[in-house]
Amino acid sequence: MRAAARRIWLLLATAASLAISPVLAADANHGADLAQRWCASCHLVTNSQAQASVDVPSFASVARKPDFSPERLAFFLLDPHPKMPNFPLSRTEAADIAAYIGSLRQ
C-alpha cells in the first residue's frame, strides 16, 4: 500500500509541475517589448519614458501596490475593462506583461 501511495503522490507532483501557472514561466523581456508597443501611449512603462497620460498609473506604481500579484494582473489584462483599449492579448502575452510589471517591484 505504501508503494502505491508513493506512486500516486509522484504522479500528482509530476502532473502539478506540468500545469505550472503561465505567469511563473512568463517572459518579462517580451512583456517589456509588448508594454512599450501597446501600453506606453497611456502608461509610463519605463523610467526613461518622457510622458504618458496624467490620469493612469505608471507600471512602477502598479508593481509597488501592496496587493500586487502577477497572476491577478494577467487575469485583469485578459478581462475587457472600459478605461483601457480592448487589446486582444493572449494568455501568454498577458502573463509576459504582468511579469514585466512585477520585475519593476522594488
Protein backbone atom coordinates (compact mmCIF):
# COMPACT_ATOMS: atom_id res chain seq x y z
CA MET A 1 0.00 0.00 0.00
CA ARG A 2 2.83 2.44 0.79
CA ALA A 3 4.42 1.96 -2.63
CA ALA A 4 1.09 2.63 -4.32
CA ALA A 5 0.55 5.78 -2.27
CA ARG A 6 4.07 6.94 -3.12
CA ARG A 7 3.42 6.38 -6.83
CA ILE A 8 0.16 8.35 -6.61
CA TRP A 9 1.94 11.28 -4.93
CA LEU A 10 4.71 11.15 -7.52
CA LEU A 11 2.13 11.14 -10.31
CA LEU A 12 0.29 14.09 -8.73
CA ALA A 13 3.53 16.03 -8.25
CA THR A 14 4.53 15.40 -11.85
CA ALA A 15 1.12 16.47 -13.13
CA ALA A 16 1.24 19.61 -10.98
CA SER A 17 4.68 20.52 -12.30
CA LEU A 18 3.40 20.23 -15.86
CA ALA A 19 0.50 22.54 -15.09
CA ILE A 20 2.62 25.37 -13.70
CA SER A 21 0.95 28.76 -13.99
CA PRO A 22 1.92 30.58 -17.21
CA VAL A 23 2.86 33.60 -15.09
CA LEU A 24 5.64 31.58 -13.47
CA ALA A 25 7.04 30.78 -16.90
CA ALA A 26 6.38 34.26 -18.27
CA ASP A 27 8.95 36.25 -20.24
CA ALA A 28 9.40 39.69 -18.67
CA ASN A 29 11.61 40.87 -21.56
CA HIS A 30 8.87 40.06 -24.06
CA GLY A 31 6.42 41.78 -21.70
CA ALA A 32 8.59 44.91 -21.76
CA ASP A 33 8.52 44.91 -25.57
CA LEU A 34 4.73 44.49 -25.61
CA ALA A 35 4.28 47.21 -22.98
CA GLN A 36 6.38 49.68 -24.94
CA ARG A 37 4.42 48.91 -28.09
CA TRP A 38 0.88 48.79 -26.68
CA CYS A 39 0.81 50.47 -23.28
CA ALA A 40 3.27 53.40 -23.48
CA SER A 41 0.77 55.71 -25.16
CA CYS A 42 -1.07 55.93 -21.81
CA HIS A 43 1.20 54.47 -19.09
CA LEU A 44 4.78 55.19 -18.08
CA VAL A 45 6.18 51.74 -18.76
CA THR A 46 9.88 52.54 -18.23
CA ASN A 47 11.80 55.02 -16.11
CA SER A 48 13.23 56.61 -19.23
CA GLN A 49 9.86 57.32 -20.83
CA ALA A 50 9.25 61.06 -21.15
CA GLN A 51 5.47 61.31 -20.91
CA ALA A 52 2.18 59.49 -20.59
CA SER A 53 -1.43 60.24 -19.71
CA VAL A 54 -1.82 62.04 -16.41
CA ASP A 55 -4.72 60.01 -15.06
CA VAL A 56 -3.26 56.50 -15.40
CA PRO A 57 -0.82 54.77 -13.07
CA SER A 58 2.75 54.11 -14.06
CA PHE A 59 3.78 50.48 -14.29
CA ALA A 60 6.20 51.02 -11.39
CA SER A 61 3.36 52.28 -9.17
CA VAL A 62 1.23 49.27 -10.13
CA ALA A 63 4.11 46.96 -9.21
CA ARG A 64 4.56 48.63 -5.81
CA LYS A 65 0.95 48.13 -4.71
CA PRO A 66 0.92 46.02 -1.54
CA ASP A 67 -1.57 43.55 -3.03
CA PHE A 68 0.22 43.22 -6.39
CA SER A 69 0.04 39.76 -7.90
CA PRO A 70 1.26 38.89 -11.41
CA GLU A 71 -1.46 36.24 -11.68
CA ARG A 72 -4.23 38.69 -10.79
CA LEU A 73 -2.81 41.33 -13.11
CA ALA A 74 -2.59 38.88 -16.03
CA PHE A 75 -6.23 37.93 -15.45
CA PHE A 76 -7.19 41.62 -15.28
CA LEU A 77 -5.45 42.27 -18.61
CA LEU A 78 -7.46 39.49 -20.25
CA ASP A 79 -10.78 40.80 -18.95
CA PRO A 80 -12.23 43.67 -21.04
CA HIS A 81 -12.47 46.85 -19.00
CA PRO A 82 -13.84 50.21 -20.08
CA LYS A 83 -10.94 52.52 -19.27
CA MET A 84 -8.44 50.63 -21.41
CA PRO A 85 -8.48 49.83 -25.12
CA ASN A 86 -9.52 46.28 -25.85
CA PHE A 87 -6.23 44.73 -26.92
CA PRO A 88 -6.61 41.11 -27.99
CA LEU A 89 -3.94 39.75 -25.66
CA SER A 90 -3.22 36.06 -25.49
CA ARG A 91 -2.76 34.47 -22.08
CA THR A 92 0.97 34.29 -22.72
CA GLU A 93 1.16 37.98 -23.66
CA ALA A 94 -0.84 39.00 -20.58
CA ALA A 95 1.43 36.87 -18.39
CA ASP A 96 4.52 38.40 -20.03
CA ILE A 97 3.29 41.96 -19.41
CA ALA A 98 2.40 41.06 -15.82
CA ALA A 99 5.87 39.53 -15.35
CA TYR A 100 7.46 42.72 -16.70
CA ILE A 101 5.43 44.87 -14.32
CA GLY A 102 6.35 42.52 -11.48
CA SER A 103 10.04 42.97 -12.36
CA LEU A 104 9.64 46.68 -11.56
CA ARG A 105 8.66 45.94 -7.96
CA GLN A 106 11.22 47.50 -5.60
